Amino acid sequence: MPPDGEPVYKHFKYETYVSQTELSYSTALPLLRGWDIGPTAVNKACVVGQLDSRGILIVLAEFMMNDPGVMRFGEHVTEQCNIMFPGVPYIRDFTDPVAFDISQTDMAS
């Protein structure tokens, strides 16, 4: 289902950038996770993907929670990735360095 609202990238075309078929993951490649757990964000988000043979990032899943706290959100994403992507060799996580500020690690983050 196409998302509501205004796209961040003004030239985004749903029909061009979103697969019309189900995507599959490779157990030969690592998962890449990009985290948005910023200090002012009430919602936490994480995208999960893999780089294909051309170096293009294929986004396989996304997770969002409203005001979950960093620990709870991390546990949820880890649990879901273990269920959805068994057999991957490893996972690489990427996030904004400010996520590791002390204020970001408590339940009020």
N, C-alpha and C. Protein backbone atom coordinates (compact mmCIF):
# COMPACT_ATOMS: atom_id res chain seq x y z
N MET A 1 0.85 -1.17 0.00
CA MET A 1 0.00 0.00 0.00
C MET A 1 0.89 1.24 0.00
N PRO A 2 0.66 2.15 -0.92
CA PRO A 2 1.47 3.37 -0.93
C PRO A 2 1.30 4.15 0.37
N PRO A 3 2.40 4.77 0.84
CA PRO A 3 2.30 5.54 2.08
C PRO A 3 1.54 6.84 1.88
N ASP A 4 0.99 7.35 2.98
CA ASP A 4 0.34 8.65 2.95
C ASP A 4 1.39 9.73 3.18
N GLY A 5 1.03 10.95 2.85
CA GLY A 5 1.91 12.07 3.14
C GLY A 5 2.82 12.43 2.00
N GLU A 6 3.68 13.38 2.27
CA GLU A 6 4.62 13.91 1.28
C GLU A 6 5.94 13.16 1.37
N PRO A 7 6.45 12.61 0.26
CA PRO A 7 7.74 11.90 0.31
C PRO A 7 8.89 12.85 0.62
N VAL A 8 9.90 12.34 1.31
CA VAL A 8 11.09 13.13 1.61
C VAL A 8 11.81 13.48 0.30
N TYR A 9 11.90 12.50 -0.59
CA TYR A 9 12.51 12.71 -1.90
C TYR A 9 11.41 13.11 -2.86
N LYS A 10 11.43 14.36 -3.35
CA LYS A 10 10.30 14.90 -4.10
C LYS A 10 10.03 14.17 -5.41
N HIS A 11 11.01 13.47 -5.96
CA HIS A 11 10.81 12.76 -7.22
C HIS A 11 10.49 11.27 -7.01
N PHE A 12 10.21 10.89 -5.77
CA PHE A 12 9.91 9.49 -5.46
C PHE A 12 8.64 9.05 -6.19
N LYS A 13 8.75 7.92 -6.89
CA LYS A 13 7.60 7.35 -7.58
C LYS A 13 7.41 5.92 -7.06
N TYR A 14 6.32 5.72 -6.36
CA TYR A 14 6.04 4.43 -5.73
C TYR A 14 6.17 3.28 -6.73
N GLU A 15 5.63 3.45 -7.92
CA GLU A 15 5.63 2.39 -8.93
C GLU A 15 7.05 2.04 -9.40
N THR A 16 7.96 2.99 -9.33
CA THR A 16 9.34 2.78 -9.77
C THR A 16 10.20 2.15 -8.69
N TYR A 17 10.05 2.60 -7.45
CA TYR A 17 10.98 2.22 -6.39
C TYR A 17 10.49 1.11 -5.47
N VAL A 18 9.23 0.74 -5.54
CA VAL A 18 8.70 -0.30 -4.65
C VAL A 18 8.37 -1.53 -5.48
N SER A 19 8.92 -2.66 -5.06
CA SER A 19 8.72 -3.90 -5.80
C SER A 19 7.24 -4.29 -5.80
N GLN A 20 6.79 -4.78 -6.94
CA GLN A 20 5.41 -5.25 -7.06
C GLN A 20 5.31 -6.74 -6.71
N THR A 21 6.45 -7.39 -6.49
CA THR A 21 6.49 -8.80 -6.10
C THR A 21 7.16 -8.93 -4.75
N GLU A 22 6.98 -10.07 -4.12
CA GLU A 22 7.58 -10.30 -2.82
C GLU A 22 9.11 -10.41 -2.95
N LEU A 23 9.83 -9.74 -2.08
CA LEU A 23 11.29 -9.80 -2.09
C LEU A 23 11.76 -10.95 -1.21
N SER A 24 12.90 -11.51 -1.56
CA SER A 24 13.48 -12.57 -0.73
C SER A 24 14.88 -12.13 -0.31
N TYR A 25 15.35 -12.71 0.77
CA TYR A 25 16.68 -12.37 1.27
C TYR A 25 17.63 -13.52 0.96
N SER A 26 18.93 -13.24 1.05
CA SER A 26 19.95 -14.24 0.80
C SER A 26 20.63 -14.64 2.10
N THR A 27 20.77 -15.94 2.33
CA THR A 27 21.50 -16.41 3.51
C THR A 27 23.01 -16.32 3.31
N ALA A 28 23.44 -15.90 2.13
CA ALA A 28 24.87 -15.72 1.87
C ALA A 28 25.33 -14.30 2.16
N LEU A 29 24.40 -13.40 2.40
CA LEU A 29 24.75 -11.99 2.60
C LEU A 29 24.34 -11.52 3.99
N PRO A 30 25.08 -10.54 4.55
CA PRO A 30 24.67 -9.99 5.84
C PRO A 30 23.42 -9.13 5.71
N LEU A 31 22.70 -9.01 6.81
CA LEU A 31 21.63 -8.03 6.89
C LEU A 31 22.24 -6.70 7.29
N LEU A 32 21.71 -5.64 6.76
CA LEU A 32 22.11 -4.29 7.13
C LEU A 32 20.91 -3.62 7.78
N ARG A 33 21.11 -3.06 8.97
CA ARG A 33 20.01 -2.39 9.66
C ARG A 33 20.40 -0.94 9.90
N GLY A 34 19.50 -0.05 9.54
CA GLY A 34 19.68 1.38 9.77
C GLY A 34 18.68 1.84 10.82
N TRP A 35 19.18 2.40 11.90
CA TRP A 35 18.36 2.77 13.06
C TRP A 35 18.16 4.28 13.15
N ASP A 36 16.94 4.69 13.46
CA ASP A 36 16.63 6.08 13.79
C ASP A 36 16.06 6.09 15.20
N ILE A 37 16.93 6.38 16.16
CA ILE A 37 16.52 6.39 17.57
C ILE A 37 16.91 7.73 18.19
N GLY A 38 16.75 8.78 17.41
CA GLY A 38 17.19 10.12 17.78
C GLY A 38 16.62 10.65 19.07
N PRO A 39 17.27 11.68 19.62
CA PRO A 39 16.92 12.21 20.93
C PRO A 39 15.55 12.86 21.00
N THR A 40 15.08 13.43 19.91
CA THR A 40 13.79 14.12 19.98
C THR A 40 12.67 13.30 19.35
N ALA A 41 13.00 12.16 18.76
CA ALA A 41 11.99 11.36 18.08
C ALA A 41 11.19 10.54 19.08
N VAL A 42 9.88 10.70 19.04
CA VAL A 42 9.01 9.85 19.87
C VAL A 42 8.96 8.46 19.24
N ASN A 43 8.91 8.41 17.92
CA ASN A 43 8.89 7.14 17.21
C ASN A 43 10.32 6.67 16.97
N LYS A 44 10.54 5.39 17.17
CA LYS A 44 11.82 4.78 16.82
C LYS A 44 11.59 3.99 15.54
N ALA A 45 12.61 3.91 14.68
CA ALA A 45 12.45 3.22 13.41
C ALA A 45 13.73 2.47 13.06
N CYS A 46 13.56 1.40 12.29
CA CYS A 46 14.69 0.62 11.80
C CYS A 46 14.32 0.04 10.44
N VAL A 47 15.20 0.17 9.47
CA VAL A 47 15.02 -0.49 8.18
C VAL A 47 16.03 -1.62 8.09
N VAL A 48 15.62 -2.70 7.42
CA VAL A 48 16.46 -3.89 7.29
C VAL A 48 16.59 -4.21 5.81
N GLY A 49 17.81 -4.42 5.37
CA GLY A 49 18.01 -4.72 3.96
C GLY A 49 19.28 -5.49 3.69
N GLN A 50 19.54 -5.69 2.42
CA GLN A 50 20.77 -6.31 1.93
C GLN A 50 21.20 -5.59 0.66
N LEU A 51 22.50 -5.62 0.39
CA LEU A 51 23.00 -5.09 -0.87
C LEU A 51 22.96 -6.20 -1.91
N ASP A 52 22.38 -5.92 -3.07
CA ASP A 52 22.36 -6.94 -4.12
C ASP A 52 23.70 -6.94 -4.87
N SER A 53 23.83 -7.77 -5.87
CA SER A 53 25.09 -7.93 -6.59
C SER A 53 25.53 -6.65 -7.31
N ARG A 54 24.60 -5.72 -7.52
CA ARG A 54 24.93 -4.45 -8.17
C ARG A 54 25.26 -3.35 -7.16
N GLY A 55 25.17 -3.69 -5.86
CA GLY A 55 25.43 -2.70 -4.82
C GLY A 55 24.22 -1.85 -4.48
N ILE A 56 23.04 -2.30 -4.90
CA ILE A 56 21.80 -1.58 -4.62
C ILE A 56 21.20 -2.12 -3.33
N LEU A 57 20.83 -1.21 -2.44
CA LEU A 57 20.21 -1.62 -1.18
C LEU A 57 18.77 -2.03 -1.43
N ILE A 58 18.47 -3.27 -1.08
CA ILE A 58 17.10 -3.80 -1.15
C ILE A 58 16.53 -3.77 0.27
N VAL A 59 15.54 -2.94 0.50
CA VAL A 59 14.92 -2.85 1.83
C VAL A 59 13.89 -3.96 1.95
N LEU A 60 14.11 -4.84 2.92
CA LEU A 60 13.29 -6.03 3.11
C LEU A 60 12.22 -5.86 4.18
N ALA A 61 12.48 -4.98 5.15
CA ALA A 61 11.52 -4.79 6.25
C ALA A 61 11.77 -3.43 6.89
N GLU A 62 10.75 -2.95 7.57
CA GLU A 62 10.91 -1.75 8.38
C GLU A 62 10.09 -1.93 9.65
N PHE A 63 10.61 -1.39 10.71
CA PHE A 63 9.95 -1.50 12.01
C PHE A 63 9.83 -0.10 12.61
N MET A 64 8.69 0.17 13.23
CA MET A 64 8.47 1.43 13.93
C MET A 64 7.71 1.14 15.22
N MET A 65 8.02 1.90 16.25
CA MET A 65 7.28 1.84 17.51
C MET A 65 7.13 3.25 18.05
N ASN A 66 6.01 3.51 18.67
CA ASN A 66 5.73 4.81 19.26
C ASN A 66 6.19 4.81 20.71
N ASP A 67 7.25 5.58 21.01
CA ASP A 67 7.77 5.80 22.36
C ASP A 67 8.08 4.52 23.12
N PRO A 68 8.89 3.60 22.53
CA PRO A 68 9.13 2.33 23.19
C PRO A 68 10.30 2.31 24.16
N GLY A 69 11.20 3.27 24.10
CA GLY A 69 12.47 3.16 24.81
C GLY A 69 13.44 2.38 23.93
N VAL A 70 14.71 2.70 24.02
CA VAL A 70 15.71 2.10 23.15
C VAL A 70 15.83 0.60 23.37
N MET A 71 15.90 0.16 24.61
CA MET A 71 16.09 -1.27 24.90
C MET A 71 14.92 -2.10 24.36
N ARG A 72 13.73 -1.68 24.65
CA ARG A 72 12.55 -2.43 24.20
C ARG A 72 12.48 -2.49 22.68
N PHE A 73 12.76 -1.37 22.03
CA PHE A 73 12.72 -1.34 20.58
C PHE A 73 13.79 -2.26 19.99
N GLY A 74 14.99 -2.21 20.54
CA GLY A 74 16.07 -3.08 20.07
C GLY A 74 15.74 -4.55 20.22
N GLU A 75 15.14 -4.90 21.34
CA GLU A 75 14.74 -6.30 21.58
C GLU A 75 13.67 -6.73 20.57
N HIS A 76 12.73 -5.85 20.30
CA HIS A 76 11.66 -6.16 19.33
C HIS A 76 12.25 -6.38 17.94
N VAL A 77 13.12 -5.50 17.49
CA VAL A 77 13.70 -5.63 16.15
C VAL A 77 14.54 -6.90 16.06
N THR A 78 15.34 -7.18 17.08
CA THR A 78 16.17 -8.39 17.08
C THR A 78 15.30 -9.64 17.00
N GLU A 79 14.26 -9.69 17.79
CA GLU A 79 13.35 -10.84 17.79
C GLU A 79 12.72 -11.03 16.41
N GLN A 80 12.23 -9.95 15.82
CA GLN A 80 11.58 -10.04 14.51
C GLN A 80 12.58 -10.44 13.41
N CYS A 81 13.79 -9.91 13.47
CA CYS A 81 14.81 -10.29 12.47
C CYS A 81 15.17 -11.76 12.58
N ASN A 82 15.26 -12.28 13.80
CA ASN A 82 15.54 -13.70 13.98
C ASN A 82 14.45 -14.57 13.38
N ILE A 83 13.21 -14.13 13.47
CA ILE A 83 12.08 -14.88 12.90
C ILE A 83 12.05 -14.74 11.38
N MET A 84 12.19 -13.53 10.89
CA MET A 84 12.01 -13.25 9.46
C MET A 84 13.21 -13.63 8.59
N PHE A 85 14.41 -13.61 9.17
CA PHE A 85 15.63 -13.80 8.37
C PHE A 85 16.56 -14.84 8.98
N PRO A 86 16.10 -16.07 9.17
CA PRO A 86 16.99 -17.09 9.75
C PRO A 86 18.11 -17.44 8.76
N GLY A 87 19.27 -17.76 9.31
CA GLY A 87 20.37 -18.23 8.48
C GLY A 87 21.29 -17.18 7.90
N VAL A 88 21.05 -15.89 8.18
CA VAL A 88 21.97 -14.88 7.65
C VAL A 88 23.30 -14.99 8.39
N PRO A 89 24.42 -14.74 7.69
CA PRO A 89 25.73 -14.95 8.33
C PRO A 89 26.02 -13.96 9.45
N TYR A 90 25.58 -12.73 9.32
CA TYR A 90 25.75 -11.74 10.37
C TYR A 90 24.92 -10.51 10.04
N ILE A 91 24.85 -9.60 11.01
CA ILE A 91 24.07 -8.37 10.87
C ILE A 91 24.99 -7.18 11.15
N ARG A 92 24.90 -6.17 10.31
CA ARG A 92 25.63 -4.92 10.53
C ARG A 92 24.62 -3.83 10.84
N ASP A 93 24.84 -3.13 11.95
CA ASP A 93 23.94 -2.07 12.38
C ASP A 93 24.59 -0.71 12.18
N PHE A 94 23.77 0.26 11.76
CA PHE A 94 24.22 1.62 11.53
C PHE A 94 23.23 2.57 12.20
N THR A 95 23.75 3.56 12.91
CA THR A 95 22.89 4.57 13.52
C THR A 95 23.67 5.87 13.67
N ASP A 96 22.93 6.93 13.91
CA ASP A 96 23.53 8.22 14.16
C ASP A 96 24.31 8.14 15.49
N PRO A 97 25.55 8.64 15.55
CA PRO A 97 26.33 8.55 16.79
C PRO A 97 25.66 9.17 18.01
N VAL A 98 24.77 10.15 17.82
CA VAL A 98 24.10 10.76 18.96
C VAL A 98 23.22 9.75 19.70
N ALA A 99 22.89 8.66 19.06
CA ALA A 99 22.07 7.62 19.71
C ALA A 99 22.76 7.04 20.93
N PHE A 100 24.08 7.20 21.03
CA PHE A 100 24.82 6.63 22.16
C PHE A 100 25.05 7.62 23.29
N ASP A 101 24.48 8.82 23.18
CA ASP A 101 24.53 9.75 24.30
C ASP A 101 23.79 9.13 25.48
N ILE A 102 24.21 9.45 26.68
CA ILE A 102 23.60 8.87 27.88
C ILE A 102 22.09 9.07 27.90
N SER A 103 21.62 10.22 27.49
CA SER A 103 20.18 10.49 27.51
C SER A 103 19.42 9.58 26.56
N GLN A 104 20.11 8.95 25.61
CA GLN A 104 19.45 8.09 24.63
C GLN A 104 19.29 6.65 25.12
N THR A 105 19.92 6.29 26.23
CA THR A 105 19.92 4.89 26.63
C THR A 105 18.92 4.56 27.72
N ASP A 106 18.18 5.54 28.23
CA ASP A 106 17.19 5.25 29.26
C ASP A 106 15.82 5.09 28.64
N MET A 107 14.85 4.70 29.43
CA MET A 107 13.50 4.44 28.92
C MET A 107 12.79 5.72 28.50
N ALA A 108 13.34 6.88 28.84
CA ALA A 108 12.71 8.15 28.47
C ALA A 108 13.16 8.63 27.10
N SER A 109 14.05 7.89 26.48
CA SER A 109 14.57 8.34 25.18
C SER A 109 13.50 8.32 24.10
